[in-house]
mmCIF file of all heavy atoms, coordinates in Angstrom:
data_MODEL
# 
_entry.id   MODEL 
# 
loop_
_atom_site.group_PDB 
_atom_site.id 
_atom_site.type_symbol 
_atom_site.label_atom_id 
_atom_site.label_alt_id 
_atom_site.label_comp_id 
_atom_site.label_asym_id 
_atom_site.label_entity_id 
_atom_site.label_seq_id 
_atom_site.pdbx_PDB_ins_code 
_atom_site.Cartn_x 
_atom_site.Cartn_y 
_atom_site.Cartn_z 
_atom_site.occupancy 
_atom_site.B_iso_or_equiv 
_atom_site.pdbx_formal_charge 
_atom_site.auth_seq_id 
_atom_site.auth_comp_id 
_atom_site.auth_asym_id 
_atom_site.auth_atom_id 
_atom_site.pdbx_PDB_model_num 
ATOM 1   N N   . LEU A 1 1  ? -44.800 -50.408 31.681 1.00 0.00 ? 1  LEU A N   1 
ATOM 2   C CA  . LEU A 1 1  ? -45.432 -51.674 31.300 1.00 0.00 ? 1  LEU A CA  1 
ATOM 3   C C   . LEU A 1 1  ? -45.137 -52.757 32.325 1.00 0.00 ? 1  LEU A C   1 
ATOM 4   O O   . LEU A 1 1  ? -43.982 -52.998 32.669 1.00 0.00 ? 1  LEU A O   1 
ATOM 5   C CB  . LEU A 1 1  ? -44.914 -52.125 29.934 1.00 0.00 ? 1  LEU A CB  1 
ATOM 6   C CG  . LEU A 1 1  ? -44.868 -51.081 28.815 1.00 0.00 ? 1  LEU A CG  1 
ATOM 7   C CD1 . LEU A 1 1  ? -44.331 -51.698 27.533 1.00 0.00 ? 1  LEU A CD1 1 
ATOM 8   C CD2 . LEU A 1 1  ? -46.228 -50.453 28.585 1.00 0.00 ? 1  LEU A CD2 1 
ATOM 9   N N   . VAL A 1 2  ? -46.195 -53.420 32.778 1.00 0.00 ? 2  VAL A N   1 
ATOM 10  C CA  . VAL A 1 2  ? -46.075 -54.569 33.677 1.00 0.00 ? 2  VAL A CA  1 
ATOM 11  C C   . VAL A 1 2  ? -46.693 -55.760 32.960 1.00 0.00 ? 2  VAL A C   1 
ATOM 12  O O   . VAL A 1 2  ? -47.860 -55.715 32.557 1.00 0.00 ? 2  VAL A O   1 
ATOM 13  C CB  . VAL A 1 2  ? -46.797 -54.321 35.020 1.00 0.00 ? 2  VAL A CB  1 
ATOM 14  C CG1 . VAL A 1 2  ? -46.734 -55.559 35.912 1.00 0.00 ? 2  VAL A CG1 1 
ATOM 15  C CG2 . VAL A 1 2  ? -46.190 -53.116 35.736 1.00 0.00 ? 2  VAL A CG2 1 
ATOM 16  N N   . GLY A 1 3  ? -45.914 -56.804 32.789 1.00 0.00 ? 3  GLY A N   1 
ATOM 17  C CA  . GLY A 1 3  ? -46.362 -57.967 32.031 1.00 0.00 ? 3  GLY A CA  1 
ATOM 18  C C   . GLY A 1 3  ? -47.201 -58.930 32.845 1.00 0.00 ? 3  GLY A C   1 
ATOM 19  O O   . GLY A 1 3  ? -47.547 -58.680 34.003 1.00 0.00 ? 3  GLY A O   1 
ATOM 20  N N   . GLY A 1 4  ? -47.501 -60.050 32.227 1.00 0.00 ? 4  GLY A N   1 
ATOM 21  C CA  . GLY A 1 4  ? -48.278 -61.100 32.868 1.00 0.00 ? 4  GLY A CA  1 
ATOM 22  C C   . GLY A 1 4  ? -47.388 -62.033 33.678 1.00 0.00 ? 4  GLY A C   1 
ATOM 23  O O   . GLY A 1 4  ? -46.226 -61.703 33.971 1.00 0.00 ? 4  GLY A O   1 
ATOM 24  N N   . PRO A 1 5  ? -47.896 -63.209 34.025 1.00 0.00 ? 5  PRO A N   1 
ATOM 25  C CA  . PRO A 1 5  ? -47.158 -64.141 34.887 1.00 0.00 ? 5  PRO A CA  1 
ATOM 26  C C   . PRO A 1 5  ? -45.778 -64.536 34.355 1.00 0.00 ? 5  PRO A C   1 
ATOM 27  O O   . PRO A 1 5  ? -44.861 -64.761 35.136 1.00 0.00 ? 5  PRO A O   1 
ATOM 28  C CB  . PRO A 1 5  ? -48.072 -65.368 34.952 1.00 0.00 ? 5  PRO A CB  1 
ATOM 29  C CG  . PRO A 1 5  ? -49.422 -64.863 34.633 1.00 0.00 ? 5  PRO A CG  1 
ATOM 30  C CD  . PRO A 1 5  ? -49.234 -63.708 33.696 1.00 0.00 ? 5  PRO A CD  1 
ATOM 31  N N   . GLU A 1 6  ? -45.632 -64.597 33.050 1.00 0.00 ? 6  GLU A N   1 
ATOM 32  C CA  . GLU A 1 6  ? -44.339 -64.978 32.465 1.00 0.00 ? 6  GLU A CA  1 
ATOM 33  C C   . GLU A 1 6  ? -43.480 -63.765 32.125 1.00 0.00 ? 6  GLU A C   1 
ATOM 34  O O   . GLU A 1 6  ? -42.414 -63.901 31.531 1.00 0.00 ? 6  GLU A O   1 
ATOM 35  C CB  . GLU A 1 6  ? -44.540 -65.812 31.187 1.00 0.00 ? 6  GLU A CB  1 
ATOM 36  C CG  . GLU A 1 6  ? -45.237 -67.131 31.401 1.00 0.00 ? 6  GLU A CG  1 
ATOM 37  C CD  . GLU A 1 6  ? -46.755 -66.980 31.449 1.00 0.00 ? 6  GLU A CD  1 
ATOM 38  O OE1 . GLU A 1 6  ? -47.290 -65.944 31.016 1.00 0.00 ? 6  GLU A OE1 1 
ATOM 39  O OE2 . GLU A 1 6  ? -47.414 -67.914 31.940 1.00 0.00 ? 6  GLU A OE2 1 
ATOM 40  N N   . GLY A 1 7  ? -43.935 -62.576 32.461 1.00 0.00 ? 7  GLY A N   1 
ATOM 41  C CA  . GLY A 1 7  ? -43.197 -61.372 32.116 1.00 0.00 ? 7  GLY A CA  1 
ATOM 42  C C   . GLY A 1 7  ? -43.530 -60.914 30.715 1.00 0.00 ? 7  GLY A C   1 
ATOM 43  O O   . GLY A 1 7  ? -44.502 -61.347 30.100 1.00 0.00 ? 7  GLY A O   1 
ATOM 44  N N   . HIS A 1 8  ? -42.702 -60.025 30.193 1.00 0.00 ? 8  HIS A N   1 
ATOM 45  C CA  . HIS A 1 8  ? -42.928 -59.462 28.863 1.00 0.00 ? 8  HIS A CA  1 
ATOM 46  C C   . HIS A 1 8  ? -42.400 -60.383 27.767 1.00 0.00 ? 8  HIS A C   1 
ATOM 47  O O   . HIS A 1 8  ? -41.442 -61.123 27.960 1.00 0.00 ? 8  HIS A O   1 
ATOM 48  C CB  . HIS A 1 8  ? -42.209 -58.117 28.729 1.00 0.00 ? 8  HIS A CB  1 
ATOM 49  C CG  . HIS A 1 8  ? -42.763 -57.056 29.598 1.00 0.00 ? 8  HIS A CG  1 
ATOM 50  N ND1 . HIS A 1 8  ? -44.034 -56.558 29.461 1.00 0.00 ? 8  HIS A ND1 1 
ATOM 51  C CD2 . HIS A 1 8  ? -42.218 -56.388 30.645 1.00 0.00 ? 8  HIS A CD2 1 
ATOM 52  C CE1 . HIS A 1 8  ? -44.242 -55.627 30.366 1.00 0.00 ? 8  HIS A CE1 1 
ATOM 53  N NE2 . HIS A 1 8  ? -43.163 -55.507 31.101 1.00 0.00 ? 8  HIS A NE2 1 
ATOM 54  N N   . THR A 1 9  ? -43.013 -60.266 26.613 1.00 0.00 ? 9  THR A N   1 
ATOM 55  C CA  . THR A 1 9  ? -42.498 -60.957 25.432 1.00 0.00 ? 9  THR A CA  1 
ATOM 56  C C   . THR A 1 9  ? -41.298 -60.163 24.897 1.00 0.00 ? 9  THR A C   1 
ATOM 57  O O   . THR A 1 9  ? -41.088 -58.999 25.265 1.00 0.00 ? 9  THR A O   1 
ATOM 58  C CB  . THR A 1 9  ? -43.568 -61.035 24.326 1.00 0.00 ? 9  THR A CB  1 
ATOM 59  O OG1 . THR A 1 9  ? -43.906 -59.700 23.924 1.00 0.00 ? 9  THR A OG1 1 
ATOM 60  C CG2 . THR A 1 9  ? -44.807 -61.798 24.796 1.00 0.00 ? 9  THR A CG2 1 
ATOM 61  N N   . ASP A 1 10 ? -40.540 -60.780 24.022 1.00 0.00 ? 10 ASP A N   1 
ATOM 62  C CA  . ASP A 1 10 ? -39.401 -60.094 23.413 1.00 0.00 ? 10 ASP A CA  1 
ATOM 63  C C   . ASP A 1 10 ? -39.851 -58.849 22.648 1.00 0.00 ? 10 ASP A C   1 
ATOM 64  O O   . ASP A 1 10 ? -39.166 -57.828 22.665 1.00 0.00 ? 10 ASP A O   1 
ATOM 65  C CB  . ASP A 1 10 ? -38.641 -61.040 22.476 1.00 0.00 ? 10 ASP A CB  1 
ATOM 66  C CG  . ASP A 1 10 ? -37.888 -62.122 23.233 1.00 0.00 ? 10 ASP A CG  1 
ATOM 67  O OD1 . ASP A 1 10 ? -37.592 -61.924 24.433 1.00 0.00 ? 10 ASP A OD1 1 
ATOM 68  O OD2 . ASP A 1 10 ? -37.590 -63.161 22.617 1.00 0.00 ? 10 ASP A OD2 1 
ATOM 69  N N   . ALA A 1 11 ? -41.012 -58.924 21.993 1.00 0.00 ? 11 ALA A N   1 
ATOM 70  C CA  . ALA A 1 11 ? -41.505 -57.779 21.222 1.00 0.00 ? 11 ALA A CA  1 
ATOM 71  C C   . ALA A 1 11 ? -41.790 -56.578 22.127 1.00 0.00 ? 11 ALA A C   1 
ATOM 72  O O   . ALA A 1 11 ? -41.494 -55.440 21.754 1.00 0.00 ? 11 ALA A O   1 
ATOM 73  C CB  . ALA A 1 11 ? -42.758 -58.159 20.442 1.00 0.00 ? 11 ALA A CB  1 
ATOM 74  N N   . VAL A 1 12 ? -42.332 -56.821 23.290 1.00 0.00 ? 12 VAL A N   1 
ATOM 75  C CA  . VAL A 1 12 ? -42.602 -55.726 24.222 1.00 0.00 ? 12 VAL A CA  1 
ATOM 76  C C   . VAL A 1 12 ? -41.289 -55.149 24.743 1.00 0.00 ? 12 VAL A C   1 
ATOM 77  O O   . VAL A 1 12 ? -41.115 -53.931 24.804 1.00 0.00 ? 12 VAL A O   1 
ATOM 78  C CB  . VAL A 1 12 ? -43.517 -56.188 25.385 1.00 0.00 ? 12 VAL A CB  1 
ATOM 79  C CG1 . VAL A 1 12 ? -43.612 -55.123 26.467 1.00 0.00 ? 12 VAL A CG1 1 
ATOM 80  C CG2 . VAL A 1 12 ? -44.905 -56.551 24.854 1.00 0.00 ? 12 VAL A CG2 1 
ATOM 81  N N   . ARG A 1 13 ? -40.351 -56.015 25.080 1.00 0.00 ? 13 ARG A N   1 
ATOM 82  C CA  . ARG A 1 13 ? -39.046 -55.515 25.553 1.00 0.00 ? 13 ARG A CA  1 
ATOM 83  C C   . ARG A 1 13 ? -38.346 -54.701 24.468 1.00 0.00 ? 13 ARG A C   1 
ATOM 84  O O   . ARG A 1 13 ? -37.726 -53.686 24.754 1.00 0.00 ? 13 ARG A O   1 
ATOM 85  C CB  . ARG A 1 13 ? -38.165 -56.672 26.032 1.00 0.00 ? 13 ARG A CB  1 
ATOM 86  C CG  . ARG A 1 13 ? -38.508 -57.133 27.448 1.00 0.00 ? 13 ARG A CG  1 
ATOM 87  C CD  . ARG A 1 13 ? -37.429 -58.062 28.001 1.00 0.00 ? 13 ARG A CD  1 
ATOM 88  N NE  . ARG A 1 13 ? -37.389 -59.330 27.300 1.00 0.00 ? 13 ARG A NE  1 
ATOM 89  C CZ  . ARG A 1 13 ? -38.162 -60.372 27.553 1.00 0.00 ? 13 ARG A CZ  1 
ATOM 90  N NH1 . ARG A 1 13 ? -39.037 -60.332 28.535 1.00 0.00 ? 13 ARG A NH1 1 
ATOM 91  N NH2 . ARG A 1 13 ? -38.050 -61.480 26.865 1.00 0.00 ? 13 ARG A NH2 1 
ATOM 92  N N   . ARG A 1 14 ? -38.468 -55.124 23.218 1.00 0.00 ? 14 ARG A N   1 
ATOM 93  C CA  . ARG A 1 14 ? -37.846 -54.373 22.115 1.00 0.00 ? 14 ARG A CA  1 
ATOM 94  C C   . ARG A 1 14 ? -38.508 -53.010 21.927 1.00 0.00 ? 14 ARG A C   1 
ATOM 95  O O   . ARG A 1 14 ? -37.861 -52.043 21.553 1.00 0.00 ? 14 ARG A O   1 
ATOM 96  C CB  . ARG A 1 14 ? -37.906 -55.165 20.807 1.00 0.00 ? 14 ARG A CB  1 
ATOM 97  C CG  . ARG A 1 14 ? -36.866 -56.260 20.698 1.00 0.00 ? 14 ARG A CG  1 
ATOM 98  C CD  . ARG A 1 14 ? -36.782 -56.825 19.287 1.00 0.00 ? 14 ARG A CD  1 
ATOM 99  N NE  . ARG A 1 14 ? -38.052 -57.314 18.775 1.00 0.00 ? 14 ARG A NE  1 
ATOM 100 C CZ  . ARG A 1 14 ? -38.497 -58.561 18.928 1.00 0.00 ? 14 ARG A CZ  1 
ATOM 101 N NH1 . ARG A 1 14 ? -37.782 -59.458 19.594 1.00 0.00 ? 14 ARG A NH1 1 
ATOM 102 N NH2 . ARG A 1 14 ? -39.663 -58.914 18.424 1.00 0.00 ? 14 ARG A NH2 1 
ATOM 103 N N   . ARG A 1 15 ? -39.802 -52.924 22.182 1.00 0.00 ? 15 ARG A N   1 
ATOM 104 C CA  . ARG A 1 15 ? -40.537 -51.664 22.022 1.00 0.00 ? 15 ARG A CA  1 
ATOM 105 C C   . ARG A 1 15 ? -40.145 -50.647 23.099 1.00 0.00 ? 15 ARG A C   1 
ATOM 106 O O   . ARG A 1 15 ? -40.213 -49.441 22.901 1.00 0.00 ? 15 ARG A O   1 
ATOM 107 C CB  . ARG A 1 15 ? -42.042 -51.928 22.066 1.00 0.00 ? 15 ARG A CB  1 
ATOM 108 C CG  . ARG A 1 15 ? -42.927 -50.696 22.077 1.00 0.00 ? 15 ARG A CG  1 
ATOM 109 C CD  . ARG A 1 15 ? -42.738 -49.841 20.833 1.00 0.00 ? 15 ARG A CD  1 
ATOM 110 N NE  . ARG A 1 15 ? -43.571 -48.662 20.858 1.00 0.00 ? 15 ARG A NE  1 
ATOM 111 C CZ  . ARG A 1 15 ? -43.225 -47.490 21.401 1.00 0.00 ? 15 ARG A CZ  1 
ATOM 112 N NH1 . ARG A 1 15 ? -42.043 -47.342 21.968 1.00 0.00 ? 15 ARG A NH1 1 
ATOM 113 N NH2 . ARG A 1 15 ? -44.053 -46.466 21.367 1.00 0.00 ? 15 ARG A NH2 1 
ATOM 114 N N   . ALA A 1 16 ? -39.723 -51.145 24.241 1.00 0.00 ? 16 ALA A N   1 
ATOM 115 C CA  . ALA A 1 16 ? -39.373 -50.262 25.358 1.00 0.00 ? 16 ALA A CA  1 
ATOM 116 C C   . ALA A 1 16 ? -38.070 -49.519 25.082 1.00 0.00 ? 16 ALA A C   1 
ATOM 117 O O   . ALA A 1 16 ? -37.146 -50.065 24.491 1.00 0.00 ? 16 ALA A O   1 
ATOM 118 C CB  . ALA A 1 16 ? -39.251 -51.081 26.636 1.00 0.00 ? 16 ALA A CB  1 
ATOM 119 N N   . HIS A 1 17 ? -38.030 -48.291 25.528 1.00 0.00 ? 17 HIS A N   1 
ATOM 120 C CA  . HIS A 1 17 ? -36.796 -47.512 25.470 1.00 0.00 ? 17 HIS A CA  1 
ATOM 121 C C   . HIS A 1 17 ? -35.829 -47.962 26.561 1.00 0.00 ? 17 HIS A C   1 
ATOM 122 O O   . HIS A 1 17 ? -34.617 -47.873 26.390 1.00 0.00 ? 17 HIS A O   1 
ATOM 123 C CB  . HIS A 1 17 ? -37.094 -46.018 25.649 1.00 0.00 ? 17 HIS A CB  1 
ATOM 124 C CG  . HIS A 1 17 ? -37.903 -45.442 24.535 1.00 0.00 ? 17 HIS A CG  1 
ATOM 125 N ND1 . HIS A 1 17 ? -39.265 -45.276 24.619 1.00 0.00 ? 17 HIS A ND1 1 
ATOM 126 C CD2 . HIS A 1 17 ? -37.538 -44.997 23.315 1.00 0.00 ? 17 HIS A CD2 1 
ATOM 127 C CE1 . HIS A 1 17 ? -39.709 -44.742 23.492 1.00 0.00 ? 17 HIS A CE1 1 
ATOM 128 N NE2 . HIS A 1 17 ? -38.678 -44.573 22.677 1.00 0.00 ? 17 HIS A NE2 1 
ATOM 129 N N   . GLU A 1 18 ? -36.399 -48.416 27.666 1.00 0.00 ? 18 GLU A N   1 
ATOM 130 C CA  . GLU A 1 18 ? -35.593 -48.871 28.811 1.00 0.00 ? 18 GLU A CA  1 
ATOM 131 C C   . GLU A 1 18 ? -36.313 -50.009 29.517 1.00 0.00 ? 18 GLU A C   1 
ATOM 132 O O   . GLU A 1 18 ? -37.534 -50.122 29.449 1.00 0.00 ? 18 GLU A O   1 
ATOM 133 C CB  . GLU A 1 18 ? -35.423 -47.754 29.847 1.00 0.00 ? 18 GLU A CB  1 
ATOM 134 C CG  . GLU A 1 18 ? -34.605 -46.584 29.420 1.00 0.00 ? 18 GLU A CG  1 
ATOM 135 C CD  . GLU A 1 18 ? -34.395 -45.615 30.578 1.00 0.00 ? 18 GLU A CD  1 
ATOM 136 O OE1 . GLU A 1 18 ? -33.985 -46.064 31.677 1.00 0.00 ? 18 GLU A OE1 1 
ATOM 137 O OE2 . GLU A 1 18 ? -34.635 -44.415 30.376 1.00 0.00 ? 18 GLU A OE2 1 
ATOM 138 N N   . LEU A 1 19 ? -35.525 -50.785 30.246 1.00 0.00 ? 19 LEU A N   1 
ATOM 139 C CA  . LEU A 1 19 ? -36.055 -51.788 31.162 1.00 0.00 ? 19 LEU A CA  1 
ATOM 140 C C   . LEU A 1 19 ? -35.694 -51.352 32.568 1.00 0.00 ? 19 LEU A C   1 
ATOM 141 O O   . LEU A 1 19 ? -34.543 -51.007 32.843 1.00 0.00 ? 19 LEU A O   1 
ATOM 142 C CB  . LEU A 1 19 ? -35.446 -53.165 30.884 1.00 0.00 ? 19 LEU A CB  1 
ATOM 143 C CG  . LEU A 1 19 ? -35.632 -53.763 29.494 1.00 0.00 ? 19 LEU A CG  1 
ATOM 144 C CD1 . LEU A 1 19 ? -34.931 -55.114 29.410 1.00 0.00 ? 19 LEU A CD1 1 
ATOM 145 C CD2 . LEU A 1 19 ? -37.092 -53.884 29.128 1.00 0.00 ? 19 LEU A CD2 1 
ATOM 146 N N   . TRP A 1 20 ? -36.674 -51.360 33.461 1.00 0.00 ? 20 TRP A N   1 
ATOM 147 C CA  . TRP A 1 20 ? -36.440 -51.040 34.867 1.00 0.00 ? 20 TRP A CA  1 
ATOM 148 C C   . TRP A 1 20 ? -36.805 -52.257 35.708 1.00 0.00 ? 20 TRP A C   1 
ATOM 149 O O   . TRP A 1 20 ? -37.707 -53.026 35.372 1.00 0.00 ? 20 TRP A O   1 
ATOM 150 C CB  . TRP A 1 20 ? -37.312 -49.890 35.334 1.00 0.00 ? 20 TRP A CB  1 
ATOM 151 C CG  . TRP A 1 20 ? -36.948 -48.531 34.818 1.00 0.00 ? 20 TRP A CG  1 
ATOM 152 C CD1 . TRP A 1 20 ? -35.952 -48.202 33.946 1.00 0.00 ? 20 TRP A CD1 1 
ATOM 153 C CD2 . TRP A 1 20 ? -37.614 -47.310 35.143 1.00 0.00 ? 20 TRP A CD2 1 
ATOM 154 N NE1 . TRP A 1 20 ? -35.953 -46.848 33.722 1.00 0.00 ? 20 TRP A NE1 1 
ATOM 155 C CE2 . TRP A 1 20 ? -36.957 -46.273 34.438 1.00 0.00 ? 20 TRP A CE2 1 
ATOM 156 C CE3 . TRP A 1 20 ? -38.699 -46.992 35.954 1.00 0.00 ? 20 TRP A CE3 1 
ATOM 157 C CZ2 . TRP A 1 20 ? -37.358 -44.941 34.538 1.00 0.00 ? 20 TRP A CZ2 1 
ATOM 158 C CZ3 . TRP A 1 20 ? -39.091 -45.671 36.045 1.00 0.00 ? 20 TRP A CZ3 1 
ATOM 159 C CH2 . TRP A 1 20 ? -38.426 -44.656 35.354 1.00 0.00 ? 20 TRP A CH2 1 
ATOM 160 N N   . SER A 1 21 ? -36.119 -52.390 36.814 1.00 0.00 ? 21 SER A N   1 
ATOM 161 C CA  . SER A 1 21 ? -36.422 -53.445 37.775 1.00 0.00 ? 21 SER A CA  1 
ATOM 162 C C   . SER A 1 21 ? -36.733 -52.805 39.119 1.00 0.00 ? 21 SER A C   1 
ATOM 163 O O   . SER A 1 21 ? -36.087 -51.828 39.506 1.00 0.00 ? 21 SER A O   1 
ATOM 164 C CB  . SER A 1 21 ? -35.221 -54.386 37.922 1.00 0.00 ? 21 SER A CB  1 
ATOM 165 O OG  . SER A 1 21 ? -35.453 -55.304 38.974 1.00 0.00 ? 21 SER A OG  1 
ATOM 166 N N   . LEU A 1 22 ? -37.697 -53.360 39.815 1.00 0.00 ? 22 LEU A N   1 
ATOM 167 C CA  . LEU A 1 22 ? -38.008 -52.897 41.171 1.00 0.00 ? 22 LEU A CA  1 
ATOM 168 C C   . LEU A 1 22 ? -37.156 -53.610 42.212 1.00 0.00 ? 22 LEU A C   1 
ATOM 169 O O   . LEU A 1 22 ? -37.321 -53.398 43.397 1.00 0.00 ? 22 LEU A O   1 
ATOM 170 C CB  . LEU A 1 22 ? -39.500 -53.096 41.483 1.00 0.00 ? 22 LEU A CB  1 
ATOM 171 C CG  . LEU A 1 22 ? -40.451 -52.247 40.656 1.00 0.00 ? 22 LEU A CG  1 
ATOM 172 C CD1 . LEU A 1 22 ? -41.900 -52.580 41.000 1.00 0.00 ? 22 LEU A CD1 1 
ATOM 173 C CD2 . LEU A 1 22 ? -40.185 -50.765 40.862 1.00 0.00 ? 22 LEU A CD2 1 
ATOM 174 N N   . GLY A 1 23 ? -36.260 -54.459 41.764 1.00 0.00 ? 23 GLY A N   1 
ATOM 175 C CA  . GLY A 1 23 ? -35.380 -55.182 42.676 1.00 0.00 ? 23 GLY A CA  1 
ATOM 176 C C   . GLY A 1 23 ? -35.268 -56.634 42.262 1.00 0.00 ? 23 GLY A C   1 
ATOM 177 O O   . GLY A 1 23 ? -35.915 -57.090 41.320 1.00 0.00 ? 23 GLY A O   1 
ATOM 178 N N   . ARG A 1 24 ? -34.446 -57.346 42.983 1.00 0.00 ? 24 ARG A N   1 
ATOM 179 C CA  . ARG A 1 24 ? -34.182 -58.732 42.621 1.00 0.00 ? 24 ARG A CA  1 
ATOM 180 C C   . ARG A 1 24 ? -35.244 -59.703 43.123 1.00 0.00 ? 24 ARG A C   1 
ATOM 181 O O   . ARG A 1 24 ? -35.301 -60.848 42.686 1.00 0.00 ? 24 ARG A O   1 
ATOM 182 C CB  . ARG A 1 24 ? -32.801 -59.128 43.149 1.00 0.00 ? 24 ARG A CB  1 
ATOM 183 C CG  . ARG A 1 24 ? -31.703 -58.345 42.406 1.00 0.00 ? 24 ARG A CG  1 
ATOM 184 C CD  . ARG A 1 24 ? -30.316 -58.580 42.930 1.00 0.00 ? 24 ARG A CD  1 
ATOM 185 N NE  . ARG A 1 24 ? -30.020 -59.996 43.000 1.00 0.00 ? 24 ARG A NE  1 
ATOM 186 C CZ  . ARG A 1 24 ? -29.093 -60.519 43.798 1.00 0.00 ? 24 ARG A CZ  1 
ATOM 187 N NH1 . ARG A 1 24 ? -28.379 -59.747 44.582 1.00 0.00 ? 24 ARG A NH1 1 
ATOM 188 N NH2 . ARG A 1 24 ? -28.881 -61.812 43.800 1.00 0.00 ? 24 ARG A NH2 1 
ATOM 189 N N   . LEU A 1 25 ? -36.087 -59.254 44.027 1.00 0.00 ? 25 LEU A N   1 
ATOM 190 C CA  . LEU A 1 25 ? -37.160 -60.113 44.513 1.00 0.00 ? 25 LEU A CA  1 
ATOM 191 C C   . LEU A 1 25 ? -38.244 -60.250 43.451 1.00 0.00 ? 25 LEU A C   1 
ATOM 192 O O   . LEU A 1 25 ? -38.499 -59.317 42.696 1.00 0.00 ? 25 LEU A O   1 
ATOM 193 C CB  . LEU A 1 25 ? -37.798 -59.525 45.770 1.00 0.00 ? 25 LEU A CB  1 
ATOM 194 C CG  . LEU A 1 25 ? -36.934 -59.425 47.008 1.00 0.00 ? 25 LEU A CG  1 
ATOM 195 C CD1 . LEU A 1 25 ? -37.676 -58.666 48.098 1.00 0.00 ? 25 LEU A CD1 1 
ATOM 196 C CD2 . LEU A 1 25 ? -36.560 -60.814 47.504 1.00 0.00 ? 25 LEU A CD2 1 
ATOM 197 N N   . THR A 1 26 ? -38.893 -61.393 43.410 1.00 0.00 ? 26 THR A N   1 
ATOM 198 C CA  . THR A 1 26 ? -40.060 -61.557 42.561 1.00 0.00 ? 26 THR A CA  1 
ATOM 199 C C   . THR A 1 26 ? -41.263 -61.085 43.363 1.00 0.00 ? 26 THR A C   1 
ATOM 200 O O   . THR A 1 26 ? -41.514 -61.583 44.465 1.00 0.00 ? 26 THR A O   1 
ATOM 201 C CB  . THR A 1 26 ? -40.243 -63.034 42.156 1.00 0.00 ? 26 THR A CB  1 
ATOM 202 O OG1 . THR A 1 26 ? -39.077 -63.450 41.440 1.00 0.00 ? 26 THR A OG1 1 
ATOM 203 C CG2 . THR A 1 26 ? -41.469 -63.217 41.299 1.00 0.00 ? 26 THR A CG2 1 
ATOM 204 N N   . LEU A 1 27 ? -41.970 -60.107 42.810 1.00 0.00 ? 27 LEU A N   1 
ATOM 205 C CA  . LEU A 1 27 ? -43.144 -59.556 43.486 1.00 0.00 ? 27 LEU A CA  1 
ATOM 206 C C   . LEU A 1 27 ? -44.410 -60.003 42.774 1.00 0.00 ? 27 LEU A C   1 
ATOM 207 O O   . LEU A 1 27 ? -44.428 -60.079 41.541 1.00 0.00 ? 27 LEU A O   1 
ATOM 208 C CB  . LEU A 1 27 ? -43.082 -58.023 43.484 1.00 0.00 ? 27 LEU A CB  1 
ATOM 209 C CG  . LEU A 1 27 ? -41.894 -57.380 44.175 1.00 0.00 ? 27 LEU A CG  1 
ATOM 210 C CD1 . LEU A 1 27 ? -41.907 -55.874 43.938 1.00 0.00 ? 27 LEU A CD1 1 
ATOM 211 C CD2 . LEU A 1 27 ? -41.919 -57.690 45.667 1.00 0.00 ? 27 LEU A CD2 1 
ATOM 212 N N   . PRO A 1 28 ? -45.468 -60.255 43.524 1.00 0.00 ? 28 PRO A N   1 
ATOM 213 C CA  . PRO A 1 28 ? -46.735 -60.550 42.854 1.00 0.00 ? 28 PRO A CA  1 
ATOM 214 C C   . PRO A 1 28 ? -47.198 -59.315 42.080 1.00 0.00 ? 28 PRO A C   1 
ATOM 215 O O   . PRO A 1 28 ? -47.043 -58.188 42.547 1.00 0.00 ? 28 PRO A O   1 
ATOM 216 C CB  . PRO A 1 28 ? -47.691 -60.893 43.998 1.00 0.00 ? 28 PRO A CB  1 
ATOM 217 C CG  . PRO A 1 28 ? -47.022 -60.470 45.250 1.00 0.00 ? 28 PRO A CG  1 
ATOM 218 C CD  . PRO A 1 28 ? -45.574 -60.279 44.970 1.00 0.00 ? 28 PRO A CD  1 
ATOM 219 N N   . HIS A 1 29 ? -47.743 -59.527 40.906 1.00 0.00 ? 29 HIS A N   1 
ATOM 220 C CA  . HIS A 1 29 ? -48.086 -58.415 40.038 1.00 0.00 ? 29 HIS A CA  1 
ATOM 221 C C   . HIS A 1 29 ? -49.055 -57.414 40.662 1.00 0.00 ? 29 HIS A C   1 
ATOM 222 O O   . HIS A 1 29 ? -48.904 -56.210 40.432 1.00 0.00 ? 29 HIS A O   1 
ATOM 223 C CB  . HIS A 1 29 ? -48.567 -58.931 38.687 1.00 0.00 ? 29 HIS A CB  1 
ATOM 224 C CG  . HIS A 1 29 ? -47.436 -59.495 37.884 1.00 0.00 ? 29 HIS A CG  1 
ATOM 225 N ND1 . HIS A 1 29 ? -47.210 -59.152 36.588 1.00 0.00 ? 29 HIS A ND1 1 
ATOM 226 C CD2 . HIS A 1 29 ? -46.431 -60.346 38.208 1.00 0.00 ? 29 HIS A CD2 1 
ATOM 227 C CE1 . HIS A 1 29 ? -46.134 -59.772 36.144 1.00 0.00 ? 29 HIS A CE1 1 
ATOM 228 N NE2 . HIS A 1 29 ? -45.652 -60.508 37.112 1.00 0.00 ? 29 HIS A NE2 1 
ATOM 229 N N   . PRO A 1 30 ? -50.038 -57.854 41.457 1.00 0.00 ? 30 PRO A N   1 
ATOM 230 C CA  . PRO A 1 30 ? -50.879 -56.847 42.117 1.00 0.00 ? 30 PRO A CA  1 
ATOM 231 C C   . PRO A 1 30 ? -50.065 -55.924 43.039 1.00 0.00 ? 30 PRO A C   1 
ATOM 232 O O   . PRO A 1 30 ? -50.291 -54.717 43.063 1.00 0.00 ? 30 PRO A O   1 
ATOM 233 C CB  . PRO A 1 30 ? -51.882 -57.675 42.918 1.00 0.00 ? 30 PRO A CB  1 
ATOM 234 C CG  . PRO A 1 30 ? -51.959 -58.965 42.188 1.00 0.00 ? 30 PRO A CG  1 
ATOM 235 C CD  . PRO A 1 30 ? -50.556 -59.210 41.675 1.00 0.00 ? 30 PRO A CD  1 
# 
């Protein structure tokens, strides 16, 4: 799951089994 400009809502994060990060940089969603 990739969220919108503000990221995921709490409900989406709760639904996930895990959270992954592609790194500490902020990347444009495209």
